[in-house]
Protein backbone atom coordinates (compact mmCIF):
# COMPACT_ATOMS: atom_id res chain seq x y z
CA UNK A 1 42.47 -46.01 146.84
CA UNK A 2 44.67 -45.49 143.70
CA UNK A 3 46.93 -42.52 144.13
CA UNK A 4 49.34 -40.35 142.08
CA UNK A 5 52.79 -41.81 140.38
CA UNK A 6 55.30 -41.32 142.40
CA UNK A 7 53.72 -40.06 145.40
CA UNK A 8 53.98 -41.18 148.69
CA UNK A 9 50.64 -39.72 150.23
CA UNK A 10 46.82 -38.86 148.95
CA UNK A 11 44.42 -36.87 150.17
CA UNK A 12 41.47 -38.44 150.99
CA UNK A 13 37.76 -36.59 150.80
CA UNK A 14 36.88 -37.74 154.18
CA UNK A 15 39.15 -36.66 155.74
CA UNK A 16 38.40 -32.88 155.48
CA UNK A 17 35.73 -33.02 157.44
CA UNK A 18 37.63 -35.00 161.03
CA UNK A 19 38.21 -32.26 163.82
CA UNK A 20 41.67 -31.22 163.57
CA UNK A 21 42.37 -32.69 166.69
CA UNK A 22 41.76 -35.98 165.47
CA UNK A 23 44.02 -34.91 163.16
CA UNK A 24 46.52 -34.70 164.77
CA UNK A 25 46.68 -38.58 165.40
CA UNK A 26 47.21 -42.18 163.19
CA UNK A 27 43.98 -44.21 161.72
CA UNK A 28 45.82 -47.19 161.07
CA UNK A 29 44.19 -50.52 158.94
CA UNK A 30 45.39 -53.16 158.20
CA UNK A 31 44.35 -55.80 155.68
CA UNK A 32 44.90 -58.71 153.97
CA UNK A 33 48.77 -58.98 156.83
CA UNK A 34 50.61 -62.12 156.27
CA UNK A 35 53.91 -62.07 158.04
CA UNK A 36 56.79 -64.88 158.12
CA UNK A 37 60.31 -64.35 159.72
CA UNK A 38 63.08 -67.24 160.13
CA UNK A 39 61.40 -69.40 157.87
CA UNK A 40 57.90 -69.02 160.14
CA UNK A 41 55.03 -67.68 159.96
CA UNK A 42 53.60 -66.00 162.38
CA UNK A 43 50.51 -63.59 161.34
CA UNK A 44 48.10 -65.02 158.68
CA UNK A 45 45.33 -62.61 156.84
CA UNK A 46 45.39 -60.13 159.21
CA UNK A 47 42.55 -57.37 160.04
CA UNK A 48 42.89 -54.86 162.00
CA UNK A 49 42.17 -50.88 162.18
CA UNK A 50 43.30 -48.75 164.76
CA UNK A 51 41.71 -44.97 165.08
CA UNK A 52 42.37 -41.34 167.15
CA UNK A 53 40.62 -42.52 170.69
CA UNK A 54 40.77 -45.98 170.37
CA UNK A 55 43.14 -47.86 173.16
CA UNK A 56 43.73 -51.30 173.19
CA UNK A 57 45.23 -54.36 175.12
CA UNK A 58 47.19 -57.13 172.88
CA UNK A 59 46.83 -60.39 174.98
CA UNK A 60 48.22 -63.89 173.23
CA UNK A 61 50.48 -66.52 174.84
CA UNK A 62 54.59 -66.38 174.27
CA UNK A 63 55.46 -66.50 170.98
CA UNK A 64 51.72 -65.46 169.52
CA UNK A 65 53.53 -63.09 167.20
CA UNK A 66 52.45 -59.80 170.17
CA UNK A 67 56.36 -58.03 169.82
CA UNK A 68 56.16 -58.56 165.64
CA UNK A 69 53.09 -57.50 165.07
CA UNK A 70 53.81 -54.35 166.83
CA UNK A 71 57.37 -54.37 165.12
CA UNK A 72 54.98 -53.71 161.72
CA UNK A 73 52.96 -51.33 163.07
CA UNK A 74 55.86 -49.22 163.96
CA UNK A 75 57.54 -49.96 160.27
CA UNK A 76 60.68 -51.78 161.55
CA UNK A 77 59.20 -54.82 160.09
CA UNK A 78 57.64 -55.25 156.51
CA UNK A 79 54.48 -57.67 155.25
CA UNK A 80 55.25 -61.06 153.64
CA UNK A 81 53.98 -59.36 149.45
CA UNK A 82 50.78 -60.48 148.64
CA UNK A 83 48.34 -58.93 146.24
CA UNK A 84 45.86 -58.19 148.71
CA UNK A 85 47.63 -56.51 151.30
CA UNK A 86 46.61 -52.94 152.73
CA UNK A 87 48.85 -51.20 155.17
CA UNK A 88 47.37 -47.73 155.01
CA UNK A 89 48.40 -44.66 157.75
CA UNK A 90 46.20 -41.74 157.56
CA UNK A 91 47.09 -38.77 159.54
CA UNK A 92 47.02 -34.79 158.53
CA UNK A 93 44.66 -35.85 156.08
CA UNK A 94 46.96 -37.40 153.89
CA UNK A 95 47.33 -41.64 153.22
CA UNK A 96 49.98 -43.04 153.02
CA UNK A 97 50.41 -46.83 152.13
CA UNK A 98 53.97 -47.04 153.30
CA UNK A 99 55.26 -46.51 156.86
CA UNK A 100 58.33 -43.52 155.03
CA UNK A 101 57.02 -39.77 156.67
CA UNK A 102 55.16 -41.35 158.90
CA UNK A 103 57.50 -43.61 161.06
CA UNK A 104 58.41 -40.77 163.45
CA UNK A 105 55.14 -39.79 164.62
CA UNK A 106 54.69 -43.56 166.13
CA UNK A 107 56.26 -43.73 169.23
CA UNK A 108 57.44 -48.25 170.39
CA UNK A 109 58.18 -48.78 173.87
CA UNK A 110 59.91 -52.15 174.65
CA UNK A 111 62.44 -54.40 175.89
CA UNK A 112 64.32 -54.80 173.13
CA UNK A 113 64.24 -51.13 172.01
CA UNK A 114 65.59 -50.52 176.06
CA UNK A 115 68.63 -53.32 175.63
CA UNK A 116 69.89 -51.87 172.54
CA UNK A 117 71.10 -48.64 175.53
CA UNK A 118 73.04 -51.66 177.37
CA UNK A 119 74.40 -53.85 173.61
CA UNK A 120 76.02 -50.27 172.44
CA UNK A 121 77.27 -48.71 176.32
CA UNK A 122 74.80 -45.73 175.14
CA UNK A 123 74.81 -44.12 178.46
CA UNK A 124 74.17 -40.29 178.74
CA UNK A 125 72.46 -38.40 181.67
CA UNK A 126 68.64 -39.17 181.55
CA UNK A 127 67.64 -35.62 180.65
CA UNK A 128 69.44 -36.68 177.36
CA UNK A 129 68.07 -39.55 177.12
CA UNK A 130 64.21 -37.59 177.17
CA UNK A 131 66.22 -34.91 175.32
CA UNK A 132 67.03 -37.57 171.79
CA UNK A 133 62.71 -38.03 171.82
CA UNK A 134 62.15 -34.35 171.37
CA UNK A 135 65.36 -34.76 168.54
CA UNK A 136 63.49 -38.01 167.37
CA UNK A 137 67.41 -39.35 166.94
CA UNK A 138 68.88 -42.64 168.79
CA UNK A 139 71.59 -40.94 170.12
CA UNK A 140 71.84 -36.28 170.95
CA UNK A 141 72.97 -34.69 167.98
CA UNK A 142 72.85 -31.11 169.11
CA UNK A 143 72.78 -30.38 173.09
CA UNK A 144 69.64 -28.93 174.33
CA UNK A 145 68.44 -25.46 174.27
CA UNK A 146 66.29 -23.81 177.36
CA UNK A 147 62.44 -24.04 176.02
CA UNK A 148 63.71 -28.32 175.16
CA UNK A 149 65.15 -28.72 179.07
CA UNK A 150 62.52 -27.36 180.40
CA UNK A 151 60.31 -29.56 177.93
CA UNK A 152 62.22 -32.41 179.57
CA UNK A 153 61.65 -31.89 183.24
CA UNK A 154 57.59 -30.82 182.62
CA UNK A 155 57.98 -34.85 181.48
CA UNK A 156 59.95 -36.36 184.37
CA UNK A 157 58.19 -34.81 187.22
CA UNK A 158 54.60 -35.72 185.23
CA UNK A 159 56.55 -39.32 185.63
CA UNK A 160 57.34 -38.11 189.27
CA UNK A 161 61.41 -39.93 187.92
CA UNK A 162 62.65 -35.57 188.46
CA UNK A 163 65.47 -36.57 190.80
CA UNK A 164 66.97 -38.86 187.80
CA UNK A 165 67.36 -36.14 185.73
CA UNK A 166 71.60 -35.86 185.75
CA UNK A 167 72.00 -39.72 186.70
CA UNK A 168 73.62 -41.91 183.95
CA UNK A 169 71.36 -44.28 182.30
CA UNK A 170 73.13 -47.29 183.00
CA UNK A 171 73.39 -46.65 186.66
CA UNK A 172 69.57 -46.88 186.60
CA UNK A 173 67.48 -49.90 187.26
CA UNK A 174 65.56 -52.19 185.05
CA UNK A 175 62.33 -50.28 186.44
CA UNK A 176 63.56 -46.98 186.27
CA UNK A 177 65.00 -46.76 182.83
CA UNK A 178 61.44 -48.55 181.33
CA UNK A 179 60.17 -45.65 182.48
CA UNK A 180 62.98 -42.52 181.34
CA UNK A 181 62.01 -44.11 178.18
CA UNK A 182 58.28 -43.60 178.34
CA UNK A 183 59.77 -40.27 178.92
CA UNK A 184 61.67 -40.32 175.60
CA UNK A 185 58.51 -41.71 173.90
CA UNK A 186 56.34 -39.24 174.74
CA UNK A 187 58.59 -35.98 174.49
CA UNK A 188 58.22 -37.20 170.98
CA UNK A 189 54.21 -36.01 170.75
CA UNK A 190 53.36 -39.52 169.50
CA UNK A 191 50.69 -40.07 166.86
CA UNK A 192 49.91 -43.17 168.13
CA UNK A 193 52.10 -44.95 171.35
CA UNK A 194 53.30 -48.87 170.74
CA UNK A 195 53.32 -50.23 174.31
CA UNK A 196 54.90 -53.61 175.05
CA UNK A 197 55.01 -55.13 177.96
CA UNK A 198 56.12 -52.18 180.34
CA UNK A 199 55.36 -53.11 183.38
CA UNK A 200 58.56 -55.34 183.45
CA UNK A 201 60.32 -55.25 185.73
CA UNK A 202 58.31 -51.80 188.09
CA UNK A 203 57.93 -51.92 191.40
CA UNK A 204 53.84 -51.00 192.87
CA UNK A 205 55.25 -47.16 193.11
CA UNK A 206 56.90 -47.47 189.18
CA UNK A 207 54.07 -49.40 187.42
CA UNK A 208 51.32 -46.75 188.99
CA UNK A 209 52.93 -44.22 187.67
CA UNK A 210 53.45 -45.55 184.11
CA UNK A 211 49.51 -47.10 184.30
CA UNK A 212 48.65 -43.05 185.92
CA UNK A 213 50.03 -41.64 182.88
CA UNK A 214 47.58 -43.95 180.50
CA UNK A 215 45.12 -42.84 182.57
CA UNK A 216 45.87 -39.15 181.62
CA UNK A 217 45.41 -40.00 177.34
CA UNK A 218 41.91 -41.31 178.68
CA UNK A 219 40.99 -37.55 178.35
CA UNK A 220 43.25 -37.21 175.17
CA UNK A 221 42.64 -38.96 171.78
CA UNK A 222 46.74 -40.40 171.22
CA UNK A 223 45.33 -44.19 170.31
CA UNK A 224 47.67 -46.17 171.86
CA UNK A 225 48.37 -50.93 171.81
CA UNK A 226 48.98 -52.42 175.42
CA UNK A 227 50.01 -55.83 174.84
CA UNK A 228 50.48 -57.07 178.10
CA UNK A 229 50.46 -60.84 179.59
CA UNK A 230 48.79 -60.04 183.63
CA UNK A 231 45.45 -59.31 183.19
CA UNK A 232 45.30 -56.93 187.02
CA UNK A 233 47.81 -54.72 184.72
CA UNK A 234 45.61 -53.84 182.52
CA UNK A 235 44.92 -49.60 182.32
CA UNK A 236 41.82 -48.05 182.68
CA UNK A 237 39.93 -46.51 180.19
CA UNK A 238 41.55 -49.01 177.85
CA UNK A 239 38.40 -48.83 174.84
CA UNK A 240 38.71 -52.56 173.11
CA UNK A 241 40.97 -56.09 172.92
CA UNK A 242 42.82 -57.71 170.45
CA UNK A 243 43.97 -61.19 171.54
CA UNK A 244 46.92 -63.01 169.04
CA UNK A 245 46.32 -67.09 168.92
CA UNK A 246 48.65 -68.81 166.51
CA UNK A 247 48.80 -66.42 164.35
CA UNK A 248 45.24 -64.86 164.01
CA UNK A 249 43.50 -62.05 165.63
CA UNK A 250 40.65 -61.67 167.51
CA UNK A 251 39.28 -58.36 168.15
CA UNK A 252 36.60 -56.64 170.53
CA UNK A 253 34.64 -53.49 169.98
CA UNK A 254 34.49 -53.77 173.83
CA UNK A 255 36.69 -54.45 176.31
CA UNK A 256 35.72 -57.01 179.55
CA UNK A 257 36.27 -57.10 182.62
CA UNK A 258 39.29 -59.02 183.35
CA UNK A 259 39.04 -60.73 186.27
CA UNK A 260 42.45 -60.75 188.72
CA UNK A 261 44.39 -63.78 188.77
CA UNK A 262 43.61 -65.85 192.08
CA UNK A 263 45.83 -65.43 194.47
CA UNK A 264 47.57 -67.73 195.74
CA UNK A 265 47.49 -68.36 199.74
CA UNK A 266 50.22 -67.51 201.98
CA UNK A 267 50.79 -70.55 203.17
CA UNK A 268 51.50 -71.89 199.30
CA UNK A 269 53.35 -69.26 199.56
CA UNK A 270 55.62 -70.00 201.86
CA UNK A 271 55.27 -73.47 203.40
CA UNK A 272 58.75 -73.14 205.23
CA UNK A 273 59.74 -75.52 208.03
CA UNK A 274 63.03 -74.41 210.20
CA UNK A 275 65.80 -75.33 209.01
CA UNK A 276 68.98 -75.86 211.00
CA UNK A 277 72.11 -73.07 210.95
CA UNK A 278 74.70 -75.22 210.98
CA UNK A 279 73.63 -75.95 206.58
CA UNK A 280 77.46 -75.31 205.10
CA UNK A 281 77.86 -71.75 204.07
CA UNK A 282 77.62 -71.25 200.08
CA UNK A 283 78.43 -67.13 199.48
CA UNK A 284 79.39 -65.15 202.67
CA UNK A 285 79.18 -61.04 202.18
CA UNK A 286 80.78 -59.05 205.10
CA UNK A 287 80.06 -55.05 204.99
CA UNK A 288 79.77 -55.58 200.14
CA UNK A 289 79.80 -52.13 199.37
CA UNK A 290 79.27 -52.39 195.08
CA UNK A 291 79.90 -49.24 192.86
CA UNK A 292 78.15 -49.22 189.04
CA UNK A 293 79.10 -46.34 186.75
CA UNK A 294 80.78 -44.39 189.96
CA UNK A 295 77.07 -44.96 191.80
CA UNK A 296 76.86 -46.59 195.23
CA UNK A 297 74.88 -49.39 194.30
CA UNK A 298 75.14 -51.57 197.06
CA UNK A 299 76.49 -50.81 201.16
CA UNK A 300 77.96 -52.47 203.62
CA UNK A 301 75.76 -55.13 203.39
CA UNK A 302 76.60 -58.60 205.27
CA UNK A 303 74.19 -62.05 204.32
CA UNK A 304 74.34 -65.10 204.57
CA UNK A 305 74.11 -68.03 202.29
CA UNK A 306 72.97 -71.55 202.64
CA UNK A 307 72.93 -74.47 201.05
CA UNK A 308 69.29 -75.67 200.71
CA UNK A 309 67.78 -72.32 201.63
CA UNK A 310 65.49 -70.86 199.65
CA UNK A 311 65.89 -66.15 199.85
CA UNK A 312 63.34 -63.18 198.50
CA UNK A 313 64.83 -60.63 198.12
CA UNK A 314 62.20 -57.64 197.73
CA UNK A 315 62.77 -53.73 197.50
CA UNK A 316 61.57 -51.06 195.20
CA UNK A 317 63.12 -50.30 191.88
CA UNK A 318 66.73 -48.88 192.27
CA UNK A 319 67.18 -50.50 195.59
CA UNK A 320 70.19 -52.79 193.93
CA UNK A 321 68.44 -56.51 193.60
CA UNK A 322 69.23 -56.23 190.22
CA UNK A 323 73.26 -55.91 191.49
CA UNK A 324 73.18 -57.85 194.51
CA UNK A 325 72.54 -60.82 191.96
CA UNK A 326 75.07 -59.87 189.96
CA UNK A 327 77.56 -59.46 191.94
CA UNK A 328 76.16 -62.69 194.00
CA UNK A 329 76.77 -64.20 189.95
CA UNK A 330 80.03 -62.70 189.49
CA UNK A 331 79.62 -59.83 187.24
CA UNK A 332 80.31 -56.75 190.10
CA UNK A 333 83.20 -56.72 191.54
CA UNK A 334 82.90 -55.98 195.75
CA UNK A 335 85.02 -52.16 196.53
CA UNK A 336 87.75 -52.70 199.61
CA UNK A 337 87.31 -53.23 202.83
CA UNK A 338 84.30 -55.66 202.41
CA UNK A 339 84.09 -58.95 201.49
CA UNK A 340 82.72 -62.03 199.01
CA UNK A 341 83.18 -65.70 200.08
CA UNK A 342 82.37 -68.75 198.43
CA UNK A 343 82.77 -72.78 198.93
CA UNK A 344 85.43 -73.18 196.20
CA UNK A 345 85.45 -77.24 197.08
CA UNK A 346 81.08 -76.68 196.11
CA UNK A 347 81.12 -73.63 193.41
CA UNK A 348 85.36 -74.16 192.26
CA UNK A 349 87.61 -71.01 192.33
CA UNK A 350 87.55 -69.51 188.81
CA UNK A 351 84.70 -67.16 187.81
CA UNK A 352 84.21 -69.43 185.20
CA UNK A 353 84.16 -72.51 187.41
CA UNK A 354 82.00 -70.38 189.95
CA UNK A 355 78.95 -69.72 186.72
CA UNK A 356 79.00 -73.78 185.34
CA UNK A 357 77.74 -74.09 189.01
CA UNK A 358 74.82 -70.85 189.85
CA UNK A 359 72.07 -71.04 187.06
CA UNK A 360 71.02 -67.27 186.70
CA UNK A 361 68.67 -66.14 184.55
CA UNK A 362 68.08 -62.00 184.66
CA UNK A 363 67.29 -58.90 181.76
CA UNK A 364 70.71 -57.60 181.89
CA UNK A 365 72.05 -61.44 181.53
CA UNK A 366 68.58 -61.87 178.18
CA UNK A 367 70.02 -59.13 176.48
CA UNK A 368 73.88 -60.10 176.83
CA UNK A 369 73.97 -63.24 175.08
CA UNK A 370 74.69 -63.08 171.39
CA UNK A 371 72.02 -62.55 169.29
CA UNK A 372 72.79 -64.82 166.27
CA UNK A 373 73.69 -67.35 168.12
CA UNK A 374 70.91 -70.86 168.67
CA UNK A 375 68.85 -70.78 171.05
CA UNK A 376 70.41 -75.12 171.98
CA UNK A 377 73.86 -72.83 171.74
CA UNK A 378 72.97 -70.24 174.70
CA UNK A 379 72.43 -73.03 176.73
CA UNK A 380 75.24 -75.20 176.14
CA UNK A 381 77.57 -71.82 176.95
CA UNK A 382 76.19 -72.08 180.15
CA UNK A 383 78.05 -75.43 180.84
CA UNK A 384 81.54 -74.24 179.72
CA UNK A 385 80.65 -70.69 182.41
CA UNK A 386 80.35 -68.29 178.56
CA UNK A 387 77.77 -66.36 176.61
CA UNK A 388 79.30 -67.23 173.21
CA UNK A 389 79.14 -71.14 172.63
CA UNK A 390 83.55 -71.42 171.20
CA UNK A 391 84.03 -74.39 169.66
CA UNK A 392 81.91 -77.71 168.48
CA UNK A 393 80.10 -78.90 171.75
CA UNK A 394 79.96 -82.77 172.18
CA UNK A 395 76.68 -84.72 171.82
CA UNK A 396 76.56 -85.28 175.86
CA UNK A 397 76.56 -81.19 175.99
CA UNK A 398 73.94 -81.16 173.09
CA UNK A 399 71.66 -84.53 175.15
CA UNK A 400 72.03 -81.98 178.27
CA UNK A 401 70.95 -79.12 176.34
CA UNK A 402 67.69 -80.43 174.75
CA UNK A 403 66.65 -82.14 177.75
CA UNK A 404 67.18 -78.50 179.90
CA UNK A 405 65.10 -77.19 176.68
CA UNK A 406 62.74 -79.90 176.83
CA UNK A 407 62.05 -78.18 179.86
CA UNK A 408 60.90 -75.75 180.01
CA UNK A 409 58.81 -76.92 176.53
CA UNK A 410 61.13 -74.93 174.40
CA UNK A 411 62.73 -77.47 171.75
CA UNK A 412 61.46 -76.64 169.05
CA UNK A 413 63.09 -73.12 169.42
CA UNK A 414 67.04 -75.01 169.06
CA UNK A 415 67.51 -74.07 166.28
CA UNK A 416 66.08 -70.74 165.75
CA UNK A 417 69.07 -67.83 166.71
CA UNK A 418 68.08 -65.84 170.27
CA UNK A 419 67.51 -62.97 168.35
CA UNK A 420 64.50 -64.30 166.46
CA UNK A 421 62.35 -65.26 170.01
CA UNK A 422 59.56 -63.52 171.82
CA UNK A 423 61.13 -61.98 174.77
CA UNK A 424 58.75 -65.12 176.43
CA UNK A 425 60.71 -67.15 174.32
CA UNK A 426 64.45 -66.15 175.31
CA UNK A 427 62.62 -66.35 178.61
CA UNK A 428 62.52 -69.11 178.62
CA UNK A 429 65.89 -70.25 177.02
CA UNK A 430 66.85 -68.80 179.87
CA UNK A 431 65.49 -71.24 181.85
CA UNK A 432 66.92 -73.67 180.29
CA UNK A 433 70.88 -72.72 180.40
CA UNK A 434 70.08 -72.59 184.16
CA UNK A 435 68.43 -75.90 184.69
CA UNK A 436 71.21 -77.45 182.04
CA UNK A 437 74.10 -76.64 185.11
CA UNK A 438 72.62 -78.66 187.34
CA UNK A 439 73.08 -75.74 190.27
CA UNK A 440 73.87 -75.92 193.21
CA UNK A 441 72.18 -71.82 193.36
CA UNK A 442 70.06 -70.33 191.28
CA UNK A 443 69.38 -67.18 191.42
CA UNK A 444 66.46 -64.71 189.33
CA UNK A 445 66.02 -61.50 188.91
CA UNK A 446 62.67 -60.73 188.26
CA UNK A 447 62.53 -64.64 186.92
CA UNK A 448 58.82 -64.38 184.67
CA UNK A 449 58.92 -60.96 183.00
CA UNK A 450 57.27 -61.19 180.11
CA UNK A 451 55.46 -64.69 180.10
CA UNK A 452 52.20 -65.60 179.99
CA UNK A 453 50.41 -67.50 182.66
CA UNK A 454 50.60 -70.73 181.89
CA UNK A 455 54.11 -70.06 181.12
CA UNK A 456 54.76 -68.33 184.99
CA UNK A 457 52.97 -71.46 186.45
CA UNK A 458 54.77 -73.92 184.43
CA UNK A 459 58.46 -72.39 185.38
CA UNK A 460 57.43 -71.84 188.75
CA UNK A 461 56.46 -74.88 189.17
CA UNK A 462 60.21 -76.16 187.91
CA UNK A 463 61.74 -73.31 190.63
CA UNK A 464 59.92 -75.30 193.96
CA UNK A 465 60.72 -78.24 192.11
CA UNK A 466 64.70 -77.58 193.01
CA UNK A 467 64.13 -75.94 196.46
CA UNK A 468 62.54 -79.56 197.43
CA UNK A 469 65.86 -81.48 195.86
CA UNK A 470 68.48 -78.91 198.44
CA UNK A 471 69.44 -76.44 195.35
CA UNK A 472 69.66 -73.17 197.07
CA UNK A 473 67.25 -70.31 195.32
CA UNK A 474 67.99 -66.25 194.90
CA UNK A 475 64.98 -64.83 194.17
CA UNK A 476 63.65 -61.40 193.72
CA UNK A 477 60.47 -60.37 192.07
CA UNK A 478 58.21 -57.13 192.24
CA UNK A 479 55.12 -59.61 192.28
CA UNK A 480 53.39 -61.70 195.18
CA UNK A 481 52.35 -64.54 193.04
CA UNK A 482 56.20 -64.85 191.74
CA UNK A 483 57.26 -66.76 195.67
CA UNK A 484 57.82 -70.40 195.31
CA UNK A 485 56.94 -72.70 197.65
CA UNK A 486 59.35 -73.53 199.87
CA UNK A 487 60.82 -70.05 201.06
CA UNK A 488 63.01 -69.84 204.31
CA UNK A 489 64.52 -66.31 203.99
CA UNK A 490 63.81 -62.65 203.02
CA UNK A 491 65.96 -59.73 202.41
CA UNK A 492 64.66 -56.25 201.80
CA UNK A 493 66.81 -53.46 200.71
CA UNK A 494 66.29 -49.49 200.42
CA UNK A 495 68.99 -47.37 198.46
CA UNK A 496 70.71 -49.94 198.35
CA UNK A 497 71.21 -51.36 202.31
CA UNK A 498 69.53 -54.22 203.61
CA UNK A 499 66.39 -52.25 206.19
CA UNK A 500 65.93 -56.84 207.06
CA UNK A 501 68.05 -59.68 206.74
CA UNK A 502 66.88 -63.13 207.69
CA UNK A 503 64.81 -65.71 208.53
CA UNK A 504 60.73 -64.95 206.97
CA UNK A 505 59.25 -63.53 209.72
CA UNK A 506 55.67 -65.95 209.37
CA UNK A 507 53.62 -65.85 206.75
CA UNK A 508 52.48 -62.13 207.07
CA UNK A 509 56.15 -60.84 206.55
CA UNK A 510 55.44 -61.91 202.99
CA UNK A 511 52.37 -60.68 202.14
CA UNK A 512 53.66 -57.15 204.14
CA UNK A 513 57.05 -57.55 202.80
CA UNK A 514 56.24 -58.24 199.38
CA UNK A 515 55.13 -55.28 197.05
CA UNK A 516 51.60 -56.30 194.98
């Protein structure tokens, strides 16, 4: 539809007939949209209409373009110039062909947005972070008014995280951060809500908190798009399904029930045999306490990890799982009166030596890697115990990196910058970093977050292969099906302290101990 020259909006006659309730929310239409990123065509001739009251589930394999599509909708990136491209935003009786003036009405929650807080060290109090949603800014512009603080309090209570209000954002677990950022998104009273893998890294209780919040939207007209790889996490009340495959979008007006993935049996998850306790100790913690941002994250933890063991670490968000794995990797120090001992002949003496013998996969590491560095250089840097590659890579390093990327089926990503990759593609590069080291220990913190089902199976088989080869593995996860075959020990954390620590208490204990 033509619009007046120099005017960003035009009145749509039929929009006047729409109810005031519907006009408060965004009506979006995309047609003939192409998207090219890093010289690669991500979206091809895409057509999509999202109306008020519609609740979409967006699915597709890693690298299919889901995150890029959500960013395009949010106005963060632009489509490829094309004469017949249409991008219409209808809101409050007006039509815009560009996101200007509309962008602030779209709330987008994804891992990349969350990582910015860590990258830029935005460590404000939770109450303040949620308040920036009201102010619609990244960082606070002014102190919150009494009315704004009351509004923030209502949102935190709605998501059942009111106890976090005075905490600093960077002291929170990954799952707690996600809940806080959802509260921030809702504080803006959006006209469209975009959720990119919102349940990544959440325990069962917090997953239910988000799904419960989405269920309440079913009674309103707020449209949302929910991208996820796990069929069992599709929110109740979703009305439509969109599937991305090779850059093309297919839509369905009715969302068919998606059968849950078959669960692995207890025997398949833990085909453990009793191993001799005389195996050499690789890492020993004695009365170890760890402080993070002025908060006690681990409390008097004692633990011995021996060669060839596979430890399952579980506990609620904020229980200390990520802090424990980060401590074992060398990111956090142990407070006085506690000790962290490593087998120096095996793992080396310096921190750099340690990091060349320990494979590490975690959301925090993924956020810390340099975004401009190529995927191959990210892998090579791990061989030197570093994040950033300093100096030219040798032929041997390039060969090892290529082999590791090929094992995770990411060899085609080698020359692409880390920042260009989808969340799932970046996670595969982290696995390649860990494998390239030929490590003695592998630390996995929610390792399959953001991965489609086929990639999860492939990477889990690589982990199980390392376990069979005698490599020590420590894995923290909220999902039962992430537990590898061959697990031997478990550690349950609650508020930073060990509730149980030792050999697996039989197959049934794995079923009970790991939250669903």
